[in-house]
Amino acid sequence: MKISYAFRRSVFHPFQDPRGPGNELPPKEVRRSYLRKVRELGFEGIEVGLPSARGGEAEVRELRRELEGEGVPCAAVRGGGGFTLPRVASQSRERVQEAIRAASWIGSNLINMTVGTPARNPHGPGTGVGERLPQGSSRLATEADFEVTARHLRQAAAVAADLGVEISIEMHQHSIADNSWSCLHLLELIDRPNVGVNPDLGNLYWNYEVPEETNEACIAALAPRAKYWHCKQLQRLHIPDLQKSYFLKVPLPDGEIDYRFAITAMVEAGYPGYLAIEGVREGDQLYGDGRSVAYCRQLLRELGQ
């Protein structure tokens, strides 16, 4: 199992990243030094957002040469969206198609996407994490929502298969695929061998005020269907009187998700893909994310990996 970097902060002196939110590659003038530091920390690949991989084939292949030359090839291209809200369905189709092409050009041959849509009531309850009833969740979904999503993804899977690309659907908040049963139900409806899941336990943990299932039950159920894997870590503060939970993102050794159990489950399931560390957002992210790499390396050594 290789370790890749799903970075969530791009600040690297002198680049201050005024763009936000920090999950796109730094500009070319600092990128070489940045990528060398990423490789020095032990990362063996890097996740690339669709804006970073956007452009014609020549530009994307040039980025591929740059990443591979520094020892951190693209692990996955991030791009896509949900289909249950008609006003954004066509945009999601275009983004998925664009990500598929970019993944084939950049050499990852994998896209990681969510099937979430914008909030139907952006000023109402359920728009954040840790709330009683998140908008867009599987609790609120109808069978028609699953069927229309599966139909669009079967079409995307056919295009991806022609280019040798696989699709990972990320378990994600504000999405009909937000726990193990909903992810498995969607995969059963899609029924394509090049479509699997990204069992991001952090998204399970912070989706509802009280998680719907344990992290252990979720990873055990989804590990056999995984194509890609985001790993982030959280500390949770539950305020029952407010029907709300708050979360702090921390390095993998320091939170409440048991990654010893999770990594063991993925190894036992024969998962061959990347363990993608989803980085911290504040402070010296390279120090914090380096601690996460070291922790994962230790666990993998103990498992004989």
C-alpha atoms as a PDB file:
ATOM      1  CA  MET A   1       0.000   0.000   0.000  1.00  0.00           C
ATOM      2  CA  LYS A   2       1.527   3.303  -1.095  1.00  0.00           C
ATOM      3  CA  ILE A   3       0.965   6.602   0.721  1.00  0.00           C
ATOM      4  CA  SER A   4      -0.169   9.647  -1.232  1.00  0.00           C
ATOM      5  CA  TYR A   5      -0.810  13.246  -0.257  1.00  0.00           C
ATOM      6  CA  ALA A   6      -4.319  14.666  -0.373  1.00  0.00           C
ATOM      7  CA  PHE A   7      -3.051  18.038   0.858  1.00  0.00           C
ATOM      8  CA  ARG A   8      -5.522  20.604   2.173  1.00  0.00           C
ATOM      9  CA  ARG A   9      -3.177  23.564   2.671  1.00  0.00           C
ATOM     10  CA  SER A  10      -0.938  24.907  -0.107  1.00  0.00           C
ATOM     11  CA  VAL A  11       0.946  27.670   1.716  1.00  0.00           C
ATOM     12  CA  PHE A  12       4.681  27.350   1.039  1.00  0.00           C
ATOM     13  CA  HIS A  13       6.957  30.358   1.436  1.00  0.00           C
ATOM     14  CA  PRO A  14       6.836  32.768  -0.273  1.00  0.00           C
ATOM     15  CA  PHE A  15       3.456  31.587  -1.663  1.00  0.00           C
ATOM     16  CA  GLN A  16       0.668  32.659   0.713  1.00  0.00           C
ATOM     17  CA  ASP A  17      -2.195  30.963  -1.166  1.00  0.00           C
ATOM     18  CA  PRO A  18      -4.735  33.792  -1.407  1.00  0.00           C
ATOM     19  CA  ARG A  19      -6.945  31.490  -3.503  1.00  0.00           C
ATOM     20  CA  GLY A  20      -8.060  29.127  -0.742  1.00  0.00           C
ATOM     21  CA  PRO A  21      -9.156  26.622   0.421  1.00  0.00           C
ATOM     22  CA  GLY A  22      -5.693  25.145  -0.077  1.00  0.00           C
ATOM     23  CA  ASN A  23      -6.240  21.946  -2.008  1.00  0.00           C
ATOM     24  CA  GLU A  24      -4.753  22.979  -5.349  1.00  0.00           C
ATOM     25  CA  LEU A  25      -1.079  22.749  -6.231  1.00  0.00           C
ATOM     26  CA  PRO A  26       1.154  25.740  -5.462  1.00  0.00           C
ATOM     27  CA  PRO A  27       2.245  27.796  -8.498  1.00  0.00           C
ATOM     28  CA  LYS A  28       5.104  26.660 -10.663  1.00  0.00           C
ATOM     29  CA  GLU A  29       7.649  29.079  -9.183  1.00  0.00           C
ATOM     30  CA  VAL A  30       7.581  27.249  -5.789  1.00  0.00           C
ATOM     31  CA  ARG A  31       6.238  23.883  -6.850  1.00  0.00           C
ATOM     32  CA  ARG A  32       9.573  22.122  -7.332  1.00  0.00           C
ATOM     33  CA  SER A  33      10.730  22.875  -3.793  1.00  0.00           C
ATOM     34  CA  TYR A  34       7.281  21.998  -2.450  1.00  0.00           C
ATOM     35  CA  LEU A  35       7.157  18.635  -4.225  1.00  0.00           C
ATOM     36  CA  ARG A  36      10.667  17.763  -3.075  1.00  0.00           C
ATOM     37  CA  LYS A  37       9.625  18.396   0.529  1.00  0.00           C
ATOM     38  CA  VAL A  38       6.515  16.268   0.039  1.00  0.00           C
ATOM     39  CA  ARG A  39       8.667  13.399  -1.258  1.00  0.00           C
ATOM     40  CA  GLU A  40      11.168  13.883   1.572  1.00  0.00           C
ATOM     41  CA  LEU A  41       8.343  13.329   4.074  1.00  0.00           C
ATOM     42  CA  GLY A  42       7.703   9.913   2.544  1.00  0.00           C
ATOM     43  CA  PHE A  43       4.745  10.530   0.252  1.00  0.00           C
ATOM     44  CA  GLU A  44       4.825   8.378  -2.896  1.00  0.00           C
ATOM     45  CA  GLY A  45       2.120  10.187  -4.852  1.00  0.00           C
ATOM     46  CA  ILE A  46      -0.069  13.262  -4.755  1.00  0.00           C
ATOM     47  CA  GLU A  47      -3.746  13.947  -5.363  1.00  0.00           C
ATOM     48  CA  VAL A  48      -4.502  16.616  -7.959  1.00  0.00           C
ATOM     49  CA  GLY A  49      -7.684  18.685  -8.120  1.00  0.00           C
ATOM     50  CA  LEU A  50      -9.374  19.230 -11.442  1.00  0.00           C
ATOM     51  CA  PRO A  51      -8.422  22.949 -11.586  1.00  0.00           C
ATOM     52  CA  SER A  52      -4.741  21.983 -11.280  1.00  0.00           C
ATOM     53  CA  ALA A  53      -5.131  19.372 -14.031  1.00  0.00           C
ATOM     54  CA  ARG A  54      -7.302  21.531 -16.263  1.00  0.00           C
ATOM     55  CA  GLY A  55      -6.028  22.390 -19.704  1.00  0.00           C
ATOM     56  CA  GLY A  56      -5.291  20.616 -22.921  1.00  0.00           C
ATOM     57  CA  GLU A  57      -3.582  17.278 -23.177  1.00  0.00           C
ATOM     58  CA  ALA A  58      -0.135  18.840 -23.641  1.00  0.00           C
ATOM     59  CA  GLU A  59      -0.423  20.902 -20.433  1.00  0.00           C
ATOM     60  CA  VAL A  60      -1.632  17.940 -18.387  1.00  0.00           C
ATOM     61  CA  ARG A  61       1.132  15.692 -19.699  1.00  0.00           C
ATOM     62  CA  GLU A  62       3.668  18.370 -18.803  1.00  0.00           C
ATOM     63  CA  LEU A  63       2.311  18.409 -15.248  1.00  0.00           C
ATOM     64  CA  ARG A  64       2.636  14.627 -15.235  1.00  0.00           C
ATOM     65  CA  ARG A  65       6.309  14.881 -16.161  1.00  0.00           C
ATOM     66  CA  GLU A  66       6.841  17.441 -13.419  1.00  0.00           C
ATOM     67  CA  LEU A  67       5.197  15.320 -10.714  1.00  0.00           C
ATOM     68  CA  GLU A  68       6.856  12.097 -11.771  1.00  0.00           C
ATOM     69  CA  GLY A  69      10.219  13.839 -12.065  1.00  0.00           C
ATOM     70  CA  GLU A  70      10.012  14.789  -8.381  1.00  0.00           C
ATOM     71  CA  GLY A  71       8.970  11.271  -7.330  1.00  0.00           C
ATOM     72  CA  VAL A  72       5.331  12.051  -6.500  1.00  0.00           C
ATOM     73  CA  PRO A  73       3.203  10.910  -9.459  1.00  0.00           C
ATOM     74  CA  CYS A  74      -0.476  11.752  -9.545  1.00  0.00           C
ATOM     75  CA  ALA A  75      -2.399   9.229  -7.433  1.00  0.00           C
ATOM     76  CA  ALA A  76      -5.879  10.439  -8.412  1.00  0.00           C
ATOM     77  CA  VAL A  77      -7.642  13.353 -10.072  1.00  0.00           C
ATOM     78  CA  ARG A  78     -10.362  14.905  -7.940  1.00  0.00           C
ATOM     79  CA  GLY A  79     -13.454  16.026  -9.840  1.00  0.00           C
ATOM     80  CA  GLY A  80     -17.131  15.329 -10.279  1.00  0.00           C
ATOM     81  CA  GLY A  81     -20.400  16.001  -8.504  1.00  0.00           C
ATOM     82  CA  GLY A  82     -23.945  14.854  -7.896  1.00  0.00           C
ATOM     83  CA  PHE A  83     -26.830  14.395 -10.292  1.00  0.00           C
ATOM     84  CA  THR A  84     -29.996  14.550  -8.191  1.00  0.00           C
ATOM     85  CA  LEU A  85     -30.388  18.337  -8.501  1.00  0.00           C
ATOM     86  CA  PRO A  86     -31.308  19.084 -12.132  1.00  0.00           C
ATOM     87  CA  ARG A  87     -29.738  22.537 -12.226  1.00  0.00           C
ATOM     88  CA  VAL A  88     -26.253  21.127 -11.539  1.00  0.00           C
ATOM     89  CA  ALA A  89     -26.495  17.686 -13.193  1.00  0.00           C
ATOM     90  CA  SER A  90     -25.128  18.820 -16.553  1.00  0.00           C
ATOM     91  CA  GLN A  91     -22.207  20.602 -14.866  1.00  0.00           C
ATOM     92  CA  SER A  92     -21.426  17.438 -12.890  1.00  0.00           C
ATOM     93  CA  ARG A  93     -21.437  15.361 -16.083  1.00  0.00           C
ATOM     94  CA  GLU A  94     -18.975  17.755 -17.698  1.00  0.00           C
ATOM     95  CA  ARG A  95     -16.686  17.734 -14.663  1.00  0.00           C
ATOM     96  CA  VAL A  96     -16.661  13.944 -14.510  1.00  0.00           C
ATOM     97  CA  GLN A  97     -15.849  13.696 -18.220  1.00  0.00           C
ATOM     98  CA  GLU A  98     -13.098  16.293 -17.825  1.00  0.00           C
ATOM     99  CA  ALA A  99     -11.631  14.455 -14.830  1.00  0.00           C
ATOM    100  CA  ILE A 100     -11.656  11.142 -16.727  1.00  0.00           C
ATOM    101  CA  ARG A 101      -9.694  12.640 -19.612  1.00  0.00           C
ATOM    102  CA  ALA A 102      -7.241  14.330 -17.239  1.00  0.00           C
ATOM    103  CA  ALA A 103      -6.718  11.075 -15.299  1.00  0.00           C
ATOM    104  CA  SER A 104      -5.810   9.223 -18.478  1.00  0.00           C
ATOM    105  CA  TRP A 105      -3.363  11.951 -19.555  1.00  0.00           C
ATOM    106  CA  ILE A 106      -1.723  12.405 -16.151  1.00  0.00           C
ATOM    107  CA  GLY A 107      -1.194   8.697 -15.627  1.00  0.00           C
ATOM    108  CA  SER A 108      -3.233   8.099 -12.476  1.00  0.00           C
ATOM    109  CA  ASN A 109      -6.028   6.348 -14.405  1.00  0.00           C
ATOM    110  CA  LEU A 110      -8.261   7.080 -11.410  1.00  0.00           C
ATOM    111  CA  ILE A 111     -10.731   9.798 -10.521  1.00  0.00           C
ATOM    112  CA  ASN A 112     -12.068  10.428  -7.035  1.00  0.00           C
ATOM    113  CA  MET A 113     -15.480  12.086  -6.957  1.00  0.00           C
ATOM    114  CA  THR A 114     -18.376  12.831  -4.656  1.00  0.00           C
ATOM    115  CA  VAL A 115     -22.038  12.617  -5.589  1.00  0.00           C
ATOM    116  CA  GLY A 116     -23.063  15.553  -3.404  1.00  0.00           C
ATOM    117  CA  THR A 117     -25.069  18.524  -4.620  1.00  0.00           C
ATOM    118  CA  PRO A 118     -25.452  22.112  -3.352  1.00  0.00           C
ATOM    119  CA  ALA A 119     -27.817  22.617  -0.424  1.00  0.00           C
ATOM    120  CA  ARG A 120     -31.427  23.022  -1.495  1.00  0.00           C
ATOM    121  CA  ASN A 121     -31.871  25.518   1.348  1.00  0.00           C
ATOM    122  CA  PRO A 122     -28.453  27.172   1.793  1.00  0.00           C
ATOM    123  CA  HIS A 123     -29.668  29.346   4.671  1.00  0.00           C
ATOM    124  CA  GLY A 124     -31.440  26.554   6.538  1.00  0.00           C
ATOM    125  CA  PRO A 125     -30.304  23.886   8.997  1.00  0.00           C
ATOM    126  CA  GLY A 126     -28.199  20.939   7.903  1.00  0.00           C
ATOM    127  CA  THR A 127     -25.660  22.795   5.754  1.00  0.00           C
ATOM    128  CA  GLY A 128     -22.658  22.182   8.021  1.00  0.00           C
ATOM    129  CA  VAL A 129     -21.103  19.084   9.548  1.00  0.00           C
ATOM    130  CA  GLY A 130     -22.112  17.550  12.865  1.00  0.00           C
ATOM    131  CA  GLU A 131     -25.786  18.485  12.536  1.00  0.00           C
ATOM    132  CA  ARG A 132     -28.860  16.409  13.318  1.00  0.00           C
ATOM    133  CA  LEU A 133     -30.082  16.054   9.735  1.00  0.00           C
ATOM    134  CA  PRO A 134     -27.659  17.106   6.963  1.00  0.00           C
ATOM    135  CA  GLN A 135     -29.132  18.323   3.708  1.00  0.00           C
ATOM    136  CA  GLY A 136     -28.490  15.967   0.788  1.00  0.00           C
ATOM    137  CA  SER A 137     -27.951  12.976   3.063  1.00  0.00           C
ATOM    138  CA  SER A 138     -28.950   9.357   2.518  1.00  0.00           C
ATOM    139  CA  ARG A 139     -31.588   9.781   5.243  1.00  0.00           C
ATOM    140  CA  LEU A 140     -33.395  12.239   2.990  1.00  0.00           C
ATOM    141  CA  ALA A 141     -32.752  10.423  -0.303  1.00  0.00           C
ATOM    142  CA  THR A 142     -35.365   8.563  -2.308  1.00  0.00           C
ATOM    143  CA  GLU A 143     -34.779   5.458  -4.374  1.00  0.00           C
ATOM    144  CA  ALA A 144     -35.159   7.681  -7.435  1.00  0.00           C
ATOM    145  CA  ASP A 145     -32.137   9.696  -6.237  1.00  0.00           C
ATOM    146  CA  PHE A 146     -30.047   6.535  -6.178  1.00  0.00           C
ATOM    147  CA  GLU A 147     -31.331   5.376  -9.556  1.00  0.00           C
ATOM    148  CA  VAL A 148     -30.655   8.641 -11.393  1.00  0.00           C
ATOM    149  CA  THR A 149     -27.169   8.827  -9.852  1.00  0.00           C
ATOM    150  CA  ALA A 150     -26.438   5.244 -10.865  1.00  0.00           C
ATOM    151  CA  ARG A 151     -27.630   5.891 -14.413  1.00  0.00           C
ATOM    152  CA  HIS A 152     -25.268   8.824 -14.862  1.00  0.00           C
ATOM    153  CA  LEU A 153     -22.366   6.913 -13.328  1.00  0.00           C
ATOM    154  CA  ARG A 154     -22.911   3.887 -15.557  1.00  0.00           C
ATOM    155  CA  GLN A 155     -22.540   6.224 -18.517  1.00  0.00           C
ATOM    156  CA  ALA A 156     -19.388   7.759 -17.005  1.00  0.00           C
ATOM    157  CA  ALA A 157     -18.014   4.300 -16.260  1.00  0.00           C
ATOM    158  CA  ALA A 158     -18.338   3.312 -19.915  1.00  0.00           C
ATOM    159  CA  VAL A 159     -16.355   6.355 -21.039  1.00  0.00           C
ATOM    160  CA  ALA A 160     -13.770   5.728 -18.306  1.00  0.00           C
ATOM    161  CA  ALA A 161     -13.403   2.051 -19.216  1.00  0.00           C
ATOM    162  CA  ASP A 162     -12.557   2.961 -22.818  1.00  0.00           C
ATOM    163  CA  LEU A 163      -9.639   5.038 -21.471  1.00  0.00           C
ATOM    164  CA  GLY A 164      -8.559   2.539 -18.818  1.00  0.00           C
ATOM    165  CA  VAL A 165      -9.739   4.805 -15.973  1.00  0.00           C
ATOM    166  CA  GLU A 166     -11.371   3.746 -12.701  1.00  0.00           C
ATOM    167  CA  ILE A 167     -13.881   5.781 -10.652  1.00  0.00           C
ATOM    168  CA  SER A 168     -13.862   6.062  -6.874  1.00  0.00           C
ATOM    169  CA  ILE A 169     -17.022   7.422  -5.254  1.00  0.00           C
ATOM    170  CA  GLU A 170     -16.095   9.152  -2.017  1.00  0.00           C
ATOM    171  CA  MET A 171     -18.271   8.512   1.009  1.00  0.00           C
ATOM    172  CA  HIS A 172     -19.058  12.128   1.822  1.00  0.00           C
ATOM    173  CA  GLN A 173     -21.269  14.417   3.859  1.00  0.00           C
ATOM    174  CA  HIS A 174     -24.239  16.088   2.115  1.00  0.00           C
ATOM    175  CA  SER A 175     -24.304  13.133  -0.254  1.00  0.00           C
ATOM    176  CA  ILE A 176     -26.582  10.152  -0.763  1.00  0.00           C
ATOM    177  CA  ALA A 177     -23.422   8.025  -0.350  1.00  0.00           C
ATOM    178  CA  ASP A 178     -22.604   8.968   3.246  1.00  0.00           C
ATOM    179  CA  ASN A 179     -22.347   5.620   5.079  1.00  0.00           C
ATOM    180  CA  SER A 180     -21.612   1.994   4.255  1.00  0.00           C
ATOM    181  CA  TRP A 181     -25.112   0.838   3.319  1.00  0.00           C
ATOM    182  CA  SER A 182     -25.757   3.786   0.979  1.00  0.00           C
ATOM    183  CA  CYS A 183     -22.364   3.379  -0.727  1.00  0.00           C
ATOM    184  CA  LEU A 184     -22.941  -0.338  -1.249  1.00  0.00           C
ATOM    185  CA  HIS A 185     -26.482   0.247  -2.506  1.00  0.00           C
ATOM    186  CA  LEU A 186     -25.239   2.761  -5.064  1.00  0.00           C
ATOM    187  CA  LEU A 187     -22.446   0.439  -6.211  1.00  0.00           C
ATOM    188  CA  GLU A 188     -24.936  -2.394  -6.646  1.00  0.00           C
ATOM    189  CA  LEU A 189     -27.115  -0.192  -8.846  1.00  0.00           C
ATOM    190  CA  ILE A 190     -24.132   0.972 -10.937  1.00  0.00           C
ATOM    191  CA  ASP A 191     -22.759  -2.571 -11.248  1.00  0.00           C
ATOM    192  CA  ARG A 192     -19.579  -1.734 -13.157  1.00  0.00           C
ATOM    193  CA  PRO A 193     -16.176  -3.280 -12.328  1.00  0.00           C
ATOM    194  CA  ASN A 194     -14.287   0.016 -12.741  1.00  0.00           C
ATOM    195  CA  VAL A 195     -16.428   1.823 -10.128  1.00  0.00           C
ATOM    196  CA  GLY A 196     -15.674   1.492  -6.414  1.00  0.00           C
ATOM    197  CA  VAL A 197     -15.649   3.510  -3.232  1.00  0.00           C
ATOM    198  CA  ASN A 198     -13.402   5.796  -1.190  1.00  0.00           C
ATOM    199  CA  PRO A 199     -14.272   4.869   2.439  1.00  0.00           C
ATOM    200  CA  ASP A 200     -13.331   8.223   3.988  1.00  0.00           C
ATOM    201  CA  LEU A 201     -14.055   7.571   7.665  1.00  0.00           C
ATOM    202  CA  GLY A 202     -13.649  11.234   8.580  1.00  0.00           C
ATOM    203  CA  ASN A 203     -16.641  12.080   6.422  1.00  0.00           C
ATOM    204  CA  LEU A 204     -18.680   9.381   8.178  1.00  0.00           C
ATOM    205  CA  TYR A 205     -17.616  10.629  11.598  1.00  0.00           C
ATOM    206  CA  TRP A 206     -18.460  14.304  11.136  1.00  0.00           C
ATOM    207  CA  ASN A 207     -21.523  13.986   8.908  1.00  0.00           C
ATOM    208  CA  TYR A 208     -24.181  13.715  11.633  1.00  0.00           C
ATOM    209  CA  GLU A 209     -24.409  15.008  15.194  1.00  0.00           C
ATOM    210  CA  VAL A 210     -24.086  11.356  16.273  1.00  0.00           C
ATOM    211  CA  PRO A 211     -22.489   9.021  13.697  1.00  0.00           C
ATOM    212  CA  GLU A 212     -24.882   6.527  12.165  1.00  0.00           C
ATOM    213  CA  GLU A 213     -22.444   3.620  12.491  1.00  0.00           C
ATOM    214  CA  THR A 214     -19.053   2.913  13.963  1.00  0.00           C
ATOM    215  CA  ASN A 215     -15.925   3.526  11.945  1.00  0.00           C
ATOM    216  CA  GLU A 216     -14.975  -0.117  12.437  1.00  0.00           C
ATOM    217  CA  ALA A 217     -18.243  -1.486  11.011  1.00  0.00           C
ATOM    218  CA  CYS A 218     -18.026   0.921   8.080  1.00  0.00           C
ATOM    219  CA  ILE A 219     -14.457   0.116   7.025  1.00  0.00           C
ATOM    220  CA  ALA A 220     -15.059  -3.616   7.379  1.00  0.00           C
ATOM    221  CA  ALA A 221     -18.046  -3.345   5.025  1.00  0.00           C
ATOM    222  CA  LEU A 222     -16.398  -1.081   2.422  1.00  0.00           C
ATOM    223  CA  ALA A 223     -12.781  -2.277   2.326  1.00  0.00           C
ATOM    224  CA  PRO A 224     -13.455  -4.977  -0.311  1.00  0.00           C
ATOM    225  CA  ARG A 225     -14.970  -2.363  -2.665  1.00  0.00           C
ATOM    226  CA  ALA A 226     -12.339   0.360  -2.237  1.00  0.00           C
ATOM    227  CA  LYS A 227     -10.588   1.947  -5.227  1.00  0.00           C
ATOM    228  CA  TYR A 228      -8.992   4.836  -3.299  1.00  0.00           C
ATOM    229  CA  TRP A 229      -8.828   5.839   0.365  1.00  0.00           C
ATOM    230  CA  HIS A 230      -8.800   9.234   2.070  1.00  0.00           C
ATOM    231  CA  CYS A 231      -7.527   9.172   5.662  1.00  0.00           C
ATOM    232  CA  LYS A 232      -8.162  12.184   7.882  1.00  0.00           C
ATOM    233  CA  GLN A 233      -8.392  12.422  11.649  1.00  0.00           C
ATOM    234  CA  LEU A 234     -10.752  14.291  13.949  1.00  0.00           C
ATOM    235  CA  GLN A 235     -11.390  15.178  17.572  1.00  0.00           C
ATOM    236  CA  ARG A 236     -15.104  15.527  18.341  1.00  0.00           C
ATOM    237  CA  LEU A 237     -16.934  17.760  20.820  1.00  0.00           C
ATOM    238  CA  HIS A 238     -20.613  16.858  21.176  1.00  0.00           C
ATOM    239  CA  ILE A 239     -23.047  19.478  22.558  1.00  0.00           C
ATOM    240  CA  PRO A 240     -26.338  17.555  23.042  1.00  0.00           C
ATOM    241  CA  ASP A 241     -28.293  20.650  24.110  1.00  0.00           C
ATOM    242  CA  LEU A 242     -27.510  22.248  20.732  1.00  0.00           C
ATOM    243  CA  GLN A 243     -27.976  18.994  18.785  1.00  0.00           C
ATOM    244  CA  LYS A 244     -24.563  19.729  17.308  1.00  0.00           C
ATOM    245  CA  SER A 245     -21.038  18.309  17.201  1.00  0.00           C
ATOM    246  CA  TYR A 246     -17.884  20.292  16.487  1.00  0.00           C
ATOM    247  CA  PHE A 247     -14.667  18.871  15.080  1.00  0.00           C
ATOM    248  CA  LEU A 248     -10.964  19.653  15.064  1.00  0.00           C
ATOM    249  CA  LYS A 249      -8.825  18.160  12.301  1.00  0.00           C
ATOM    250  CA  VAL A 250      -5.546  16.713  13.617  1.00  0.00           C
ATOM    251  CA  PRO A 251      -2.721  14.390  12.462  1.00  0.00           C
ATOM    252  CA  LEU A 252      -3.669  10.715  12.205  1.00  0.00           C
ATOM    253  CA  PRO A 253      -2.125   9.580  15.532  1.00  0.00           C
ATOM    254  CA  ASP A 254      -3.966  12.227  17.564  1.00  0.00           C
ATOM    255  CA  GLY A 255      -7.695  11.723  17.009  1.00  0.00           C
ATOM    256  CA  GLU A 256     -10.618   9.401  17.653  1.00  0.00           C
ATOM    257  CA  ILE A 257     -10.672   7.261  14.491  1.00  0.00           C
ATOM    258  CA  ASP A 258      -8.807   3.997  15.081  1.00  0.00           C
ATOM    259  CA  TYR A 259      -6.540   3.799  12.050  1.00  0.00           C
ATOM    260  CA  ARG A 260      -4.768   0.721  13.406  1.00  0.00           C
ATOM    261  CA  PHE A 261      -8.077  -1.122  12.939  1.00  0.00           C
ATOM    262  CA  ALA A 262      -8.859   0.603   9.640  1.00  0.00           C
ATOM    263  CA  ILE A 263      -5.479  -0.025   7.990  1.00  0.00           C
ATOM    264  CA  THR A 264      -5.561  -3.644   9.140  1.00  0.00           C
ATOM    265  CA  ALA A 265      -9.018  -4.066   7.613  1.00  0.00           C
ATOM    266  CA  MET A 266      -7.848  -2.629   4.290  1.00  0.00           C
ATOM    267  CA  VAL A 267      -4.725  -4.823   4.239  1.00  0.00           C
ATOM    268  CA  GLU A 268      -6.746  -7.935   5.072  1.00  0.00           C
ATOM    269  CA  ALA A 269      -9.174  -7.078   2.250  1.00  0.00           C
ATOM    270  CA  GLY A 270      -6.238  -7.006  -0.179  1.00  0.00           C
ATOM    271  CA  TYR A 271      -6.611  -3.324  -1.009  1.00  0.00           C
ATOM    272  CA  PRO A 272      -3.919  -2.504  -3.606  1.00  0.00           C
ATOM    273  CA  GLY A 273      -4.367   1.246  -3.939  1.00  0.00           C
ATOM    274  CA  TYR A 274      -3.135   4.441  -2.299  1.00  0.00           C
ATOM    275  CA  LEU A 275      -3.643   5.420   1.313  1.00  0.00           C
ATOM    276  CA  ALA A 276      -4.179   9.148   0.766  1.00  0.00           C
ATOM    277  CA  ILE A 277      -3.485  11.255   3.845  1.00  0.00           C
ATOM    278  CA  GLU A 278      -5.925  14.169   3.825  1.00  0.00           C
ATOM    279  CA  GLY A 279      -3.842  16.896   5.361  1.00  0.00           C
ATOM    280  CA  VAL A 280      -4.475  19.364   8.150  1.00  0.00           C
ATOM    281  CA  ARG A 281      -5.629  22.876   7.278  1.00  0.00           C
ATOM    282  CA  GLU A 282      -3.900  25.030   9.889  1.00  0.00           C
ATOM    283  CA  GLY A 283      -0.351  25.711  11.009  1.00  0.00           C
ATOM    284  CA  ASP A 284       2.687  23.910   9.631  1.00  0.00           C
ATOM    285  CA  GLN A 285       0.804  21.363   7.566  1.00  0.00           C
ATOM    286  CA  LEU A 286       3.968  19.645   6.348  1.00  0.00           C
ATOM    287  CA  TYR A 287       5.056  18.894   9.922  1.00  0.00           C
ATOM    288  CA  GLY A 288       1.623  17.610  10.915  1.00  0.00           C
ATOM    289  CA  ASP A 289       1.163  15.583   7.748  1.00  0.00           C
ATOM    290  CA  GLY A 290       4.693  14.205   8.081  1.00  0.00           C
ATOM    291  CA  ARG A 291       3.673  12.807  11.483  1.00  0.00           C
ATOM    292  CA  SER A 292       0.733  11.108   9.783  1.00  0.00           C
ATOM    293  CA  VAL A 293       3.052   9.497   7.225  1.00  0.00           C
ATOM    294  CA  ALA A 294       5.359   8.184   9.955  1.00  0.00           C
ATOM    295  CA  TYR A 295       2.387   6.742  11.871  1.00  0.00           C
ATOM    296  CA  CYS A 296       1.056   4.938   8.793  1.00  0.00           C
ATOM    297  CA  ARG A 297       4.500   3.591   7.936  1.00  0.00           C
ATOM    298  CA  GLN A 298       4.817   2.152  11.437  1.00  0.00           C
ATOM    299  CA  LEU A 299       1.436   0.423  11.212  1.00  0.00           C
ATOM    300  CA  LEU A 300       2.171  -0.957   7.745  1.00  0.00           C
ATOM    301  CA  ARG A 301       5.531  -2.330   8.930  1.00  0.00           C
ATOM    302  CA  GLU A 302       3.774  -4.087  11.803  1.00  0.00           C
ATOM    303  CA  LEU A 303       1.434  -5.668   9.240  1.00  0.00           C
ATOM    304  CA  GLY A 304       4.343  -6.819   7.113  1.00  0.00           C
ATOM    305  CA  GLN A 305       3.714  -4.299   4.355  1.00  0.00           C
END
